[in-house]
């Protein structure tokens, strides 16, 4: 019982520090935020921060773990709906869009390089990413079984390409929103939707 209380208290302190850091990272950016500022915002001494984390990078990586798990849960929730394969695909696209808009800083970071699991936090991010890829793969496989999607697709290559394209469409649309609106007089939503439809059409029968 004593050990459980100690673990729960440590988890409370870690969460408090992460929440304070997350707020600062969102407001100022990761690079511009110092450990001293995190400690002050969390209400701890700098020394206490180092009791629970190796440093700012460790805090950031743990926040990314939480973000990746949240993204995975949103994707899985979209896929769990009792609707057609095509509808589930667009539900996944919308779930990723919502995540990117709610957590733009994390979304961009999660699209970057991720280790293969040598570090504990890298491993957690890697596992969550693998689970998302597997879910996307199952969606495509279900479409093949239903005769909606081509059966000549190469796995797991198509899963990786599809996930990369969905993420890339969202990121590109966000970064080029002003240019696209000026050039086409269309909205970012229309650009994303056309991108998602074009991607799906590339593998449907």
N, C-alpha and C. Protein backbone atom coordinates (compact mmCIF):
# COMPACT_ATOMS: atom_id res chain seq x y z
N UNK A 1 0.83 -1.21 0.00
CA UNK A 1 0.00 0.00 0.00
C UNK A 1 0.87 1.26 0.00
N UNK A 2 1.94 1.24 0.82
CA UNK A 2 2.84 2.39 0.90
C UNK A 2 3.52 2.64 -0.45
N UNK A 3 3.91 1.56 -1.10
CA UNK A 3 4.57 1.67 -2.40
C UNK A 3 3.61 2.23 -3.46
N UNK A 4 2.35 1.83 -3.37
CA UNK A 4 1.34 2.31 -4.32
C UNK A 4 1.11 3.80 -4.15
N UNK A 5 1.06 4.25 -2.91
CA UNK A 5 0.88 5.68 -2.63
C UNK A 5 2.06 6.49 -3.15
N UNK A 6 3.25 5.93 -2.98
CA UNK A 6 4.46 6.60 -3.44
C UNK A 6 4.45 6.73 -4.96
N UNK A 7 4.03 5.66 -5.64
CA UNK A 7 3.96 5.67 -7.10
C UNK A 7 2.90 6.65 -7.58
N UNK A 8 1.77 6.69 -6.89
CA UNK A 8 0.69 7.60 -7.27
C UNK A 8 1.11 9.04 -7.09
N UNK A 9 1.86 9.33 -6.03
CA UNK A 9 2.34 10.69 -5.77
C UNK A 9 3.35 11.11 -6.84
N UNK A 10 4.22 10.18 -7.22
CA UNK A 10 5.21 10.47 -8.26
C UNK A 10 4.51 10.76 -9.58
N UNK A 11 3.47 9.99 -9.87
CA UNK A 11 2.71 10.19 -11.10
C UNK A 11 2.01 11.55 -11.09
N UNK A 12 1.50 11.93 -9.92
CA UNK A 12 0.86 13.25 -9.77
C UNK A 12 1.85 14.37 -10.08
N UNK A 13 3.05 14.26 -9.52
CA UNK A 13 4.07 15.29 -9.74
C UNK A 13 4.48 15.33 -11.22
N UNK A 14 4.64 14.18 -11.83
CA UNK A 14 5.02 14.12 -13.24
C UNK A 14 3.94 14.77 -14.11
N UNK A 15 2.70 14.48 -13.82
CA UNK A 15 1.60 15.05 -14.59
C UNK A 15 1.51 16.56 -14.42
N UNK A 16 1.74 17.03 -13.19
CA UNK A 16 1.72 18.47 -12.92
C UNK A 16 2.80 19.18 -13.72
N UNK A 17 3.99 18.60 -13.75
CA UNK A 17 5.11 19.17 -14.49
C UNK A 17 4.83 19.17 -15.98
N UNK A 18 4.30 18.05 -16.47
CA UNK A 18 4.00 17.94 -17.90
C UNK A 18 2.94 18.95 -18.33
N UNK A 19 1.92 19.12 -17.51
CA UNK A 19 0.85 20.07 -17.85
C UNK A 19 1.38 21.50 -17.92
N UNK A 20 2.24 21.84 -16.96
CA UNK A 20 2.84 23.18 -16.96
C UNK A 20 3.72 23.38 -18.19
N UNK A 21 4.51 22.35 -18.51
CA UNK A 21 5.39 22.42 -19.67
C UNK A 21 4.59 22.50 -20.96
N UNK A 22 3.53 21.72 -21.03
CA UNK A 22 2.69 21.70 -22.23
C UNK A 22 2.11 23.08 -22.52
N UNK A 23 1.67 23.77 -21.48
CA UNK A 23 1.13 25.11 -21.63
C UNK A 23 2.19 26.07 -22.17
N UNK A 24 3.38 25.98 -21.61
CA UNK A 24 4.48 26.85 -22.03
C UNK A 24 4.94 26.52 -23.46
N UNK A 25 5.03 25.24 -23.78
CA UNK A 25 5.45 24.83 -25.12
C UNK A 25 4.46 25.35 -26.17
N UNK A 26 3.19 25.31 -25.83
CA UNK A 26 2.15 25.78 -26.76
C UNK A 26 2.23 27.29 -26.95
N UNK A 27 2.48 28.00 -25.87
CA UNK A 27 2.53 29.46 -25.90
C UNK A 27 3.82 30.00 -26.50
N UNK A 28 4.96 29.39 -26.13
CA UNK A 28 6.26 29.95 -26.50
C UNK A 28 7.06 29.11 -27.48
N UNK A 29 6.70 27.84 -27.58
CA UNK A 29 7.51 26.93 -28.36
C UNK A 29 8.46 26.17 -27.45
N UNK A 30 8.92 25.04 -27.90
CA UNK A 30 9.78 24.19 -27.08
C UNK A 30 11.15 24.83 -26.86
N UNK A 31 11.74 25.30 -27.93
CA UNK A 31 13.10 25.86 -27.85
C UNK A 31 13.17 27.07 -26.92
N UNK A 32 12.15 27.92 -26.96
CA UNK A 32 12.17 29.16 -26.17
C UNK A 32 11.79 28.95 -24.71
N UNK A 33 11.37 27.76 -24.35
CA UNK A 33 10.97 27.47 -22.97
C UNK A 33 12.13 26.85 -22.20
N UNK A 34 12.39 27.37 -21.02
CA UNK A 34 13.49 26.85 -20.20
C UNK A 34 12.97 25.98 -19.06
N UNK A 35 13.86 25.18 -18.51
CA UNK A 35 13.52 24.35 -17.35
C UNK A 35 13.11 25.23 -16.17
N UNK A 36 13.77 26.38 -16.02
CA UNK A 36 13.43 27.30 -14.93
C UNK A 36 11.98 27.76 -15.06
N UNK A 37 11.56 28.06 -16.27
CA UNK A 37 10.18 28.51 -16.49
C UNK A 37 9.18 27.39 -16.22
N UNK A 38 9.55 26.18 -16.59
CA UNK A 38 8.68 25.03 -16.33
C UNK A 38 8.53 24.81 -14.84
N UNK A 39 9.65 24.89 -14.13
CA UNK A 39 9.63 24.70 -12.68
C UNK A 39 8.75 25.75 -12.01
N UNK A 40 8.89 26.99 -12.43
CA UNK A 40 8.11 28.08 -11.85
C UNK A 40 6.62 27.89 -12.13
N UNK A 41 6.29 27.53 -13.36
CA UNK A 41 4.89 27.34 -13.73
C UNK A 41 4.25 26.16 -13.01
N UNK A 42 5.06 25.13 -12.74
CA UNK A 42 4.55 23.93 -12.07
C UNK A 42 4.51 24.10 -10.56
N UNK A 43 5.25 25.09 -10.05
CA UNK A 43 5.29 25.31 -8.60
C UNK A 43 6.31 24.44 -7.90
N UNK A 44 7.36 24.04 -8.63
CA UNK A 44 8.41 23.19 -8.07
C UNK A 44 9.76 23.88 -8.20
N UNK A 45 10.72 23.36 -7.48
CA UNK A 45 12.09 23.84 -7.66
C UNK A 45 12.67 23.16 -8.89
N UNK A 46 13.72 23.75 -9.43
CA UNK A 46 14.38 23.18 -10.60
C UNK A 46 14.92 21.79 -10.27
N UNK A 47 15.43 21.63 -9.06
CA UNK A 47 15.98 20.34 -8.63
C UNK A 47 14.90 19.26 -8.63
N UNK A 48 13.68 19.64 -8.25
CA UNK A 48 12.58 18.68 -8.21
C UNK A 48 12.22 18.21 -9.61
N UNK A 49 12.30 19.11 -10.58
CA UNK A 49 12.01 18.73 -11.97
C UNK A 49 12.91 17.57 -12.38
N UNK A 50 14.19 17.67 -11.99
CA UNK A 50 15.15 16.64 -12.39
C UNK A 50 14.99 15.33 -11.61
N UNK A 51 14.19 15.35 -10.58
CA UNK A 51 13.88 14.11 -9.87
C UNK A 51 12.98 13.23 -10.75
N UNK A 52 12.10 13.89 -11.52
CA UNK A 52 11.09 13.15 -12.29
C UNK A 52 11.39 13.09 -13.79
N UNK A 53 12.24 13.99 -14.27
CA UNK A 53 12.58 14.00 -15.70
C UNK A 53 14.08 14.26 -15.88
N UNK A 54 14.63 13.75 -16.98
CA UNK A 54 16.05 13.95 -17.26
C UNK A 54 16.33 15.38 -17.70
N UNK A 55 15.31 16.04 -18.23
CA UNK A 55 15.49 17.40 -18.71
C UNK A 55 14.31 17.80 -19.57
N UNK A 56 14.43 18.92 -20.25
CA UNK A 56 13.33 19.43 -21.08
C UNK A 56 12.97 18.45 -22.19
N UNK A 57 13.99 17.86 -22.82
CA UNK A 57 13.73 16.91 -23.91
C UNK A 57 12.92 15.72 -23.43
N UNK A 58 13.21 15.27 -22.23
CA UNK A 58 12.49 14.13 -21.65
C UNK A 58 11.03 14.50 -21.39
N UNK A 59 10.80 15.70 -20.90
CA UNK A 59 9.42 16.17 -20.68
C UNK A 59 8.68 16.23 -22.01
N UNK A 60 9.32 16.80 -23.02
CA UNK A 60 8.72 16.94 -24.34
C UNK A 60 8.38 15.56 -24.93
N UNK A 61 9.30 14.62 -24.80
CA UNK A 61 9.07 13.28 -25.35
C UNK A 61 7.90 12.59 -24.67
N UNK A 62 7.76 12.79 -23.37
CA UNK A 62 6.64 12.19 -22.64
C UNK A 62 5.31 12.83 -23.05
N UNK A 63 5.35 14.13 -23.35
CA UNK A 63 4.14 14.80 -23.85
C UNK A 63 3.77 14.23 -25.22
N UNK A 64 4.78 13.98 -26.05
CA UNK A 64 4.53 13.41 -27.37
C UNK A 64 3.93 12.00 -27.26
N UNK A 65 4.35 11.26 -26.25
CA UNK A 65 3.77 9.93 -26.03
C UNK A 65 2.27 10.06 -25.79
N UNK A 66 1.90 10.98 -24.90
CA UNK A 66 0.48 11.20 -24.58
C UNK A 66 -0.28 11.64 -25.83
N UNK A 67 0.35 12.50 -26.64
CA UNK A 67 -0.29 13.00 -27.86
C UNK A 67 -0.49 11.86 -28.86
N UNK A 68 0.51 11.02 -29.02
CA UNK A 68 0.43 9.92 -29.97
C UNK A 68 -0.65 8.93 -29.55
N UNK A 69 -0.75 8.66 -28.27
CA UNK A 69 -1.78 7.75 -27.76
C UNK A 69 -3.16 8.34 -27.99
N UNK A 70 -3.28 9.64 -27.80
CA UNK A 70 -4.57 10.32 -28.03
C UNK A 70 -4.95 10.23 -29.52
N UNK A 71 -3.99 10.44 -30.39
CA UNK A 71 -4.24 10.33 -31.82
C UNK A 71 -4.67 8.92 -32.19
N UNK A 72 -3.98 7.94 -31.61
CA UNK A 72 -4.31 6.54 -31.87
C UNK A 72 -5.75 6.24 -31.44
N UNK A 73 -6.12 6.74 -30.27
CA UNK A 73 -7.47 6.50 -29.75
C UNK A 73 -8.53 7.14 -30.65
N UNK A 74 -8.24 8.33 -31.18
CA UNK A 74 -9.19 9.01 -32.06
C UNK A 74 -9.35 8.25 -33.38
N UNK A 75 -8.25 7.72 -33.90
CA UNK A 75 -8.30 6.94 -35.13
C UNK A 75 -9.08 5.65 -34.89
N UNK A 76 -8.80 4.98 -33.81
CA UNK A 76 -9.49 3.72 -33.49
C UNK A 76 -10.97 3.95 -33.26
N UNK A 77 -11.32 5.07 -32.66
CA UNK A 77 -12.72 5.40 -32.43
C UNK A 77 -13.45 5.60 -33.76
N UNK A 78 -12.78 6.26 -34.71
CA UNK A 78 -13.37 6.47 -36.03
C UNK A 78 -13.57 5.13 -36.75
N UNK A 79 -12.62 4.24 -36.61
CA UNK A 79 -12.68 2.95 -37.28
C UNK A 79 -13.70 2.00 -36.64
N UNK A 80 -14.06 2.25 -35.40
CA UNK A 80 -14.97 1.37 -34.67
C UNK A 80 -16.43 1.59 -35.05
N UNK A 81 -16.71 2.64 -35.81
CA UNK A 81 -18.09 2.95 -36.17
C UNK A 81 -18.66 1.89 -37.13
N UNK A 82 -19.93 1.59 -36.97
CA UNK A 82 -20.61 0.60 -37.79
C UNK A 82 -21.12 1.24 -39.08
N UNK A 83 -20.17 1.56 -39.95
CA UNK A 83 -20.48 2.22 -41.22
C UNK A 83 -19.65 1.56 -42.31
N UNK A 84 -19.81 2.00 -43.54
CA UNK A 84 -19.09 1.39 -44.65
C UNK A 84 -17.59 1.69 -44.58
N UNK A 85 -16.81 0.94 -45.33
CA UNK A 85 -15.36 1.15 -45.38
C UNK A 85 -15.03 2.57 -45.84
N UNK A 86 -15.72 3.04 -46.86
CA UNK A 86 -15.49 4.39 -47.37
C UNK A 86 -15.80 5.43 -46.31
N UNK A 87 -16.90 5.26 -45.60
CA UNK A 87 -17.28 6.21 -44.54
C UNK A 87 -16.29 6.17 -43.39
N UNK A 88 -15.79 4.98 -43.07
CA UNK A 88 -14.79 4.87 -41.99
C UNK A 88 -13.49 5.56 -42.39
N UNK A 89 -13.13 5.44 -43.67
CA UNK A 89 -11.93 6.11 -44.16
C UNK A 89 -12.03 7.62 -43.97
N UNK A 90 -13.16 8.19 -44.39
CA UNK A 90 -13.32 9.63 -44.23
C UNK A 90 -13.44 10.03 -42.76
N UNK A 91 -13.97 9.14 -41.93
CA UNK A 91 -14.05 9.40 -40.49
C UNK A 91 -12.65 9.46 -39.89
N UNK A 92 -11.76 8.58 -40.38
CA UNK A 92 -10.36 8.61 -39.93
C UNK A 92 -9.70 9.91 -40.35
N UNK A 93 -9.90 10.30 -41.60
CA UNK A 93 -9.33 11.56 -42.09
C UNK A 93 -9.78 12.74 -41.23
N UNK A 94 -11.07 12.77 -40.89
CA UNK A 94 -11.61 13.86 -40.08
C UNK A 94 -11.04 13.83 -38.67
N UNK A 95 -10.84 12.62 -38.13
CA UNK A 95 -10.27 12.48 -36.79
C UNK A 95 -8.85 13.05 -36.75
N UNK A 96 -8.08 12.78 -37.79
CA UNK A 96 -6.70 13.29 -37.85
C UNK A 96 -6.70 14.81 -38.05
N UNK A 97 -7.64 15.32 -38.84
CA UNK A 97 -7.78 16.77 -39.03
C UNK A 97 -8.07 17.43 -37.69
N UNK A 98 -9.02 16.88 -36.94
CA UNK A 98 -9.39 17.44 -35.64
C UNK A 98 -8.20 17.45 -34.69
N UNK A 99 -7.43 16.36 -34.71
CA UNK A 99 -6.24 16.31 -33.85
C UNK A 99 -5.23 17.37 -34.26
N UNK A 100 -5.01 17.52 -35.56
CA UNK A 100 -4.02 18.49 -36.04
C UNK A 100 -4.41 19.92 -35.70
N UNK A 101 -5.72 20.19 -35.66
CA UNK A 101 -6.19 21.54 -35.35
C UNK A 101 -6.17 21.80 -33.84
N UNK A 102 -6.41 20.77 -33.06
CA UNK A 102 -6.39 20.93 -31.61
C UNK A 102 -4.98 20.92 -31.06
N UNK A 103 -4.09 20.14 -31.67
CA UNK A 103 -2.71 20.03 -31.20
C UNK A 103 -1.73 20.23 -32.36
N UNK A 104 -1.69 21.42 -32.97
CA UNK A 104 -0.82 21.63 -34.14
C UNK A 104 0.65 21.40 -33.86
N UNK A 105 1.11 21.79 -32.67
CA UNK A 105 2.52 21.62 -32.32
C UNK A 105 2.90 20.15 -32.26
N UNK A 106 2.03 19.35 -31.68
CA UNK A 106 2.31 17.92 -31.53
C UNK A 106 2.17 17.19 -32.85
N UNK A 107 1.17 17.59 -33.64
CA UNK A 107 0.95 16.93 -34.92
C UNK A 107 2.19 17.07 -35.80
N UNK A 108 2.72 18.25 -35.88
CA UNK A 108 3.91 18.48 -36.71
C UNK A 108 5.10 17.68 -36.19
N UNK A 109 5.24 17.59 -34.88
CA UNK A 109 6.35 16.85 -34.30
C UNK A 109 6.22 15.35 -34.53
N UNK A 110 4.99 14.84 -34.46
CA UNK A 110 4.76 13.41 -34.65
C UNK A 110 5.00 12.97 -36.09
N UNK A 111 5.02 13.93 -37.02
CA UNK A 111 5.29 13.61 -38.41
C UNK A 111 6.79 13.53 -38.68
N UNK A 112 7.58 13.94 -37.69
CA UNK A 112 9.03 13.91 -37.83
C UNK A 112 9.60 12.53 -37.56
N UNK A 113 10.92 12.47 -37.46
CA UNK A 113 11.61 11.20 -37.24
C UNK A 113 11.28 10.65 -35.86
N UNK A 114 11.05 9.33 -35.80
CA UNK A 114 10.78 8.64 -34.54
C UNK A 114 11.72 7.45 -34.45
N UNK A 115 12.33 7.28 -33.28
CA UNK A 115 13.26 6.17 -33.09
C UNK A 115 12.55 4.83 -33.15
N UNK A 116 13.35 3.76 -33.14
CA UNK A 116 12.80 2.42 -33.25
C UNK A 116 12.55 1.77 -31.89
N UNK A 117 12.64 2.55 -30.82
CA UNK A 117 12.25 2.01 -29.53
C UNK A 117 13.38 1.75 -28.56
N UNK A 118 14.59 2.26 -28.83
CA UNK A 118 15.70 2.06 -27.90
C UNK A 118 15.44 2.78 -26.58
N UNK A 119 14.86 3.97 -26.66
CA UNK A 119 14.49 4.72 -25.47
C UNK A 119 13.04 4.37 -25.11
N UNK A 120 12.71 4.41 -23.81
CA UNK A 120 11.36 4.01 -23.37
C UNK A 120 10.27 4.86 -24.00
N UNK A 121 10.47 6.18 -24.03
CA UNK A 121 9.45 7.06 -24.61
C UNK A 121 9.36 6.87 -26.12
N UNK A 122 10.52 6.69 -26.78
CA UNK A 122 10.52 6.41 -28.22
C UNK A 122 9.75 5.13 -28.49
N UNK A 123 9.93 4.15 -27.63
CA UNK A 123 9.26 2.87 -27.79
C UNK A 123 7.74 3.03 -27.72
N UNK A 124 7.28 3.83 -26.78
CA UNK A 124 5.84 4.05 -26.62
C UNK A 124 5.25 4.75 -27.84
N UNK A 125 5.97 5.75 -28.36
CA UNK A 125 5.52 6.44 -29.56
C UNK A 125 5.52 5.48 -30.75
N UNK A 126 6.56 4.68 -30.84
CA UNK A 126 6.68 3.71 -31.93
C UNK A 126 5.53 2.70 -31.90
N UNK A 127 5.22 2.20 -30.71
CA UNK A 127 4.15 1.22 -30.56
C UNK A 127 2.80 1.82 -30.95
N UNK A 128 2.54 3.05 -30.48
CA UNK A 128 1.28 3.72 -30.82
C UNK A 128 1.18 3.94 -32.32
N UNK A 129 2.29 4.32 -32.93
CA UNK A 129 2.32 4.52 -34.37
C UNK A 129 2.06 3.22 -35.12
N UNK A 130 2.66 2.14 -34.64
CA UNK A 130 2.44 0.83 -35.26
C UNK A 130 0.98 0.41 -35.17
N UNK A 131 0.35 0.72 -34.05
CA UNK A 131 -1.05 0.36 -33.86
C UNK A 131 -1.96 1.15 -34.80
N UNK A 132 -1.60 2.41 -35.05
CA UNK A 132 -2.36 3.21 -36.02
C UNK A 132 -2.19 2.61 -37.41
N UNK A 133 -0.96 2.25 -37.77
CA UNK A 133 -0.69 1.66 -39.08
C UNK A 133 -1.46 0.36 -39.26
N UNK A 134 -1.49 -0.45 -38.21
CA UNK A 134 -2.21 -1.73 -38.27
C UNK A 134 -3.71 -1.49 -38.47
N UNK A 135 -4.24 -0.48 -37.79
CA UNK A 135 -5.66 -0.16 -37.91
C UNK A 135 -5.99 0.29 -39.33
N UNK A 136 -5.12 1.12 -39.91
CA UNK A 136 -5.31 1.57 -41.29
C UNK A 136 -5.23 0.37 -42.24
N UNK A 137 -4.29 -0.52 -41.96
CA UNK A 137 -4.13 -1.72 -42.78
C UNK A 137 -5.37 -2.59 -42.74
N UNK A 138 -5.96 -2.72 -41.56
CA UNK A 138 -7.19 -3.52 -41.41
C UNK A 138 -8.34 -2.89 -42.17
N UNK A 139 -8.39 -1.54 -42.18
CA UNK A 139 -9.43 -0.84 -42.93
C UNK A 139 -9.30 -1.15 -44.43
N UNK A 140 -8.07 -1.07 -44.94
CA UNK A 140 -7.85 -1.35 -46.36
C UNK A 140 -8.17 -2.81 -46.67
N UNK A 141 -7.75 -3.71 -45.79
CA UNK A 141 -8.01 -5.13 -45.99
C UNK A 141 -9.51 -5.42 -46.01
N UNK A 142 -10.25 -4.74 -45.14
CA UNK A 142 -11.70 -4.90 -45.11
C UNK A 142 -12.31 -4.43 -46.42
N UNK A 143 -11.79 -3.35 -46.96
CA UNK A 143 -12.28 -2.85 -48.24
C UNK A 143 -12.01 -3.82 -49.37
N UNK A 144 -10.87 -4.50 -49.30
CA UNK A 144 -10.55 -5.52 -50.31
C UNK A 144 -11.54 -6.67 -50.23
N UNK A 145 -11.81 -7.11 -49.01
CA UNK A 145 -12.76 -8.22 -48.79
C UNK A 145 -14.16 -7.86 -49.29
N UNK A 146 -14.51 -6.58 -49.17
CA UNK A 146 -15.84 -6.13 -49.61
C UNK A 146 -15.89 -5.84 -51.11
N UNK A 147 -14.74 -5.93 -51.78
CA UNK A 147 -14.69 -5.67 -53.20
C UNK A 147 -14.68 -4.20 -53.55
N UNK A 148 -14.41 -3.35 -52.56
CA UNK A 148 -14.39 -1.90 -52.78
C UNK A 148 -12.99 -1.42 -53.16
N UNK A 149 -11.98 -2.08 -52.62
CA UNK A 149 -10.59 -1.68 -52.83
C UNK A 149 -9.86 -2.76 -53.62
N UNK A 150 -8.94 -2.34 -54.46
CA UNK A 150 -8.17 -3.26 -55.31
C UNK A 150 -7.43 -4.31 -54.48
N UNK A 151 -7.35 -5.50 -55.02
CA UNK A 151 -6.73 -6.62 -54.29
C UNK A 151 -5.25 -6.79 -54.59
N UNK A 152 -4.70 -5.96 -55.50
CA UNK A 152 -3.30 -6.11 -55.89
C UNK A 152 -2.35 -5.23 -55.09
N UNK A 153 -2.86 -4.64 -54.01
CA UNK A 153 -2.04 -3.72 -53.21
C UNK A 153 -1.00 -4.48 -52.39
N UNK A 154 0.14 -3.86 -52.20
CA UNK A 154 1.25 -4.50 -51.49
C UNK A 154 1.26 -4.05 -50.03
N UNK A 155 1.19 -5.01 -49.13
CA UNK A 155 1.24 -4.71 -47.70
C UNK A 155 2.63 -5.03 -47.16
N UNK A 156 3.16 -4.30 -46.17
CA UNK A 156 2.51 -3.16 -45.49
C UNK A 156 2.75 -1.82 -46.18
N UNK A 157 3.34 -1.85 -47.38
CA UNK A 157 3.72 -0.62 -48.08
C UNK A 157 2.54 0.33 -48.25
N UNK A 158 1.39 -0.20 -48.69
CA UNK A 158 0.24 0.65 -48.94
C UNK A 158 -0.25 1.33 -47.67
N UNK A 159 -0.12 0.63 -46.55
CA UNK A 159 -0.55 1.21 -45.27
C UNK A 159 0.30 2.43 -44.93
N UNK A 160 1.61 2.28 -45.07
CA UNK A 160 2.52 3.38 -44.78
C UNK A 160 2.28 4.55 -45.73
N UNK A 161 2.11 4.25 -47.02
CA UNK A 161 1.87 5.30 -48.01
C UNK A 161 0.56 6.03 -47.71
N UNK A 162 -0.49 5.28 -47.39
CA UNK A 162 -1.79 5.89 -47.12
C UNK A 162 -1.72 6.80 -45.91
N UNK A 163 -1.12 6.32 -44.83
CA UNK A 163 -1.02 7.13 -43.61
C UNK A 163 -0.17 8.38 -43.87
N UNK A 164 0.92 8.22 -44.61
CA UNK A 164 1.78 9.36 -44.93
C UNK A 164 1.04 10.39 -45.77
N UNK A 165 0.23 9.92 -46.71
CA UNK A 165 -0.51 10.83 -47.59
C UNK A 165 -1.60 11.58 -46.83
N UNK A 166 -2.32 10.89 -45.97
CA UNK A 166 -3.36 11.55 -45.18
C UNK A 166 -2.74 12.66 -44.33
N UNK A 167 -1.65 12.32 -43.65
CA UNK A 167 -0.96 13.31 -42.81
C UNK A 167 -0.40 14.44 -43.64
N UNK A 168 0.18 14.09 -44.80
CA UNK A 168 0.78 15.10 -45.67
C UNK A 168 -0.24 16.06 -46.25
N UNK A 169 -1.40 15.55 -46.62
CA UNK A 169 -2.47 16.41 -47.15
C UNK A 169 -2.88 17.43 -46.10
N UNK A 170 -3.04 16.97 -44.87
CA UNK A 170 -3.45 17.86 -43.78
C UNK A 170 -2.39 18.91 -43.51
N UNK A 171 -1.15 18.49 -43.44
CA UNK A 171 -0.06 19.43 -43.16
C UNK A 171 0.12 20.44 -44.29
N UNK A 172 0.10 19.97 -45.53
CA UNK A 172 0.28 20.86 -46.67
C UNK A 172 -0.86 21.86 -46.78
N UNK A 173 -2.10 21.38 -46.57
CA UNK A 173 -3.26 22.27 -46.66
C UNK A 173 -3.17 23.38 -45.61
N UNK A 174 -2.71 23.02 -44.44
CA UNK A 174 -2.58 24.00 -43.36
C UNK A 174 -1.51 25.04 -43.69
N UNK A 175 -0.38 24.58 -44.19
CA UNK A 175 0.74 25.47 -44.47
C UNK A 175 0.49 26.36 -45.69
N UNK A 176 -0.31 25.86 -46.64
CA UNK A 176 -0.54 26.59 -47.89
C UNK A 176 -1.94 27.22 -47.95
N UNK A 177 -2.59 27.36 -46.81
CA UNK A 177 -3.98 27.81 -46.79
C UNK A 177 -4.16 29.17 -47.48
N UNK A 178 -3.33 30.14 -47.14
CA UNK A 178 -3.46 31.49 -47.72
C UNK A 178 -3.21 31.45 -49.22
N UNK A 179 -2.16 30.76 -49.63
CA UNK A 179 -1.83 30.66 -51.05
C UNK A 179 -2.95 29.98 -51.82
N UNK A 180 -3.46 28.87 -51.28
CA UNK A 180 -4.50 28.11 -51.97
C UNK A 180 -5.78 28.94 -52.11
N UNK A 181 -6.16 29.62 -51.03
CA UNK A 181 -7.37 30.44 -51.07
C UNK A 181 -7.23 31.56 -52.10
N UNK A 182 -6.04 32.14 -52.19
CA UNK A 182 -5.80 33.23 -53.15
C UNK A 182 -5.82 32.71 -54.59
N UNK A 183 -5.24 31.53 -54.80
CA UNK A 183 -5.10 30.99 -56.16
C UNK A 183 -6.37 30.38 -56.71
N UNK A 184 -7.16 29.75 -55.84
CA UNK A 184 -8.32 28.99 -56.31
C UNK A 184 -9.66 29.52 -55.82
N UNK A 185 -9.61 30.47 -54.89
CA UNK A 185 -10.83 30.99 -54.27
C UNK A 185 -11.61 29.88 -53.56
N UNK A 186 -10.90 28.86 -53.13
CA UNK A 186 -11.52 27.74 -52.42
C UNK A 186 -10.99 27.70 -50.99
N UNK A 187 -11.66 26.93 -50.14
CA UNK A 187 -11.28 26.85 -48.73
C UNK A 187 -10.31 25.70 -48.48
N UNK A 188 -9.67 25.74 -47.34
CA UNK A 188 -8.77 24.67 -46.93
C UNK A 188 -9.53 23.36 -46.78
N UNK A 189 -10.78 23.45 -46.34
CA UNK A 189 -11.61 22.24 -46.19
C UNK A 189 -11.83 21.57 -47.54
N UNK A 190 -12.05 22.38 -48.58
CA UNK A 190 -12.26 21.83 -49.92
C UNK A 190 -10.99 21.18 -50.44
N UNK A 191 -9.84 21.80 -50.15
CA UNK A 191 -8.55 21.24 -50.58
C UNK A 191 -8.32 19.89 -49.91
N UNK A 192 -8.55 19.84 -48.60
CA UNK A 192 -8.34 18.58 -47.88
C UNK A 192 -9.26 17.49 -48.39
N UNK A 193 -10.54 17.84 -48.55
CA UNK A 193 -11.52 16.85 -48.98
C UNK A 193 -11.17 16.30 -50.36
N UNK A 194 -10.77 17.19 -51.26
CA UNK A 194 -10.39 16.74 -52.61
C UNK A 194 -9.17 15.83 -52.53
N UNK A 195 -8.24 16.17 -51.66
CA UNK A 195 -7.05 15.34 -51.48
C UNK A 195 -7.41 13.96 -50.96
N UNK A 196 -8.27 13.91 -49.94
CA UNK A 196 -8.69 12.62 -49.36
C UNK A 196 -9.42 11.78 -50.41
N UNK A 197 -10.29 12.42 -51.19
CA UNK A 197 -11.06 11.69 -52.22
C UNK A 197 -10.13 11.15 -53.30
N UNK A 198 -9.17 11.96 -53.72
CA UNK A 198 -8.22 11.54 -54.75
C UNK A 198 -7.39 10.37 -54.27
N UNK A 199 -6.97 10.43 -53.01
CA UNK A 199 -6.18 9.34 -52.43
C UNK A 199 -6.98 8.04 -52.41
N UNK A 200 -8.22 8.11 -51.97
CA UNK A 200 -9.06 6.93 -51.91
C UNK A 200 -9.31 6.38 -53.31
N UNK A 201 -9.59 7.27 -54.25
CA UNK A 201 -9.88 6.83 -55.63
C UNK A 201 -8.69 6.09 -56.25
N UNK A 202 -7.50 6.35 -55.74
CA UNK A 202 -6.31 5.72 -56.32
C UNK A 202 -6.23 4.22 -56.01
N UNK A 203 -7.03 3.76 -55.03
CA UNK A 203 -6.95 2.33 -54.71
C UNK A 203 -8.31 1.62 -54.78
N UNK A 204 -9.35 2.35 -55.15
CA UNK A 204 -10.67 1.71 -55.25
C UNK A 204 -10.84 1.02 -56.60
N UNK A 205 -11.76 0.08 -56.63
CA UNK A 205 -12.01 -0.71 -57.84
C UNK A 205 -12.76 0.15 -58.85
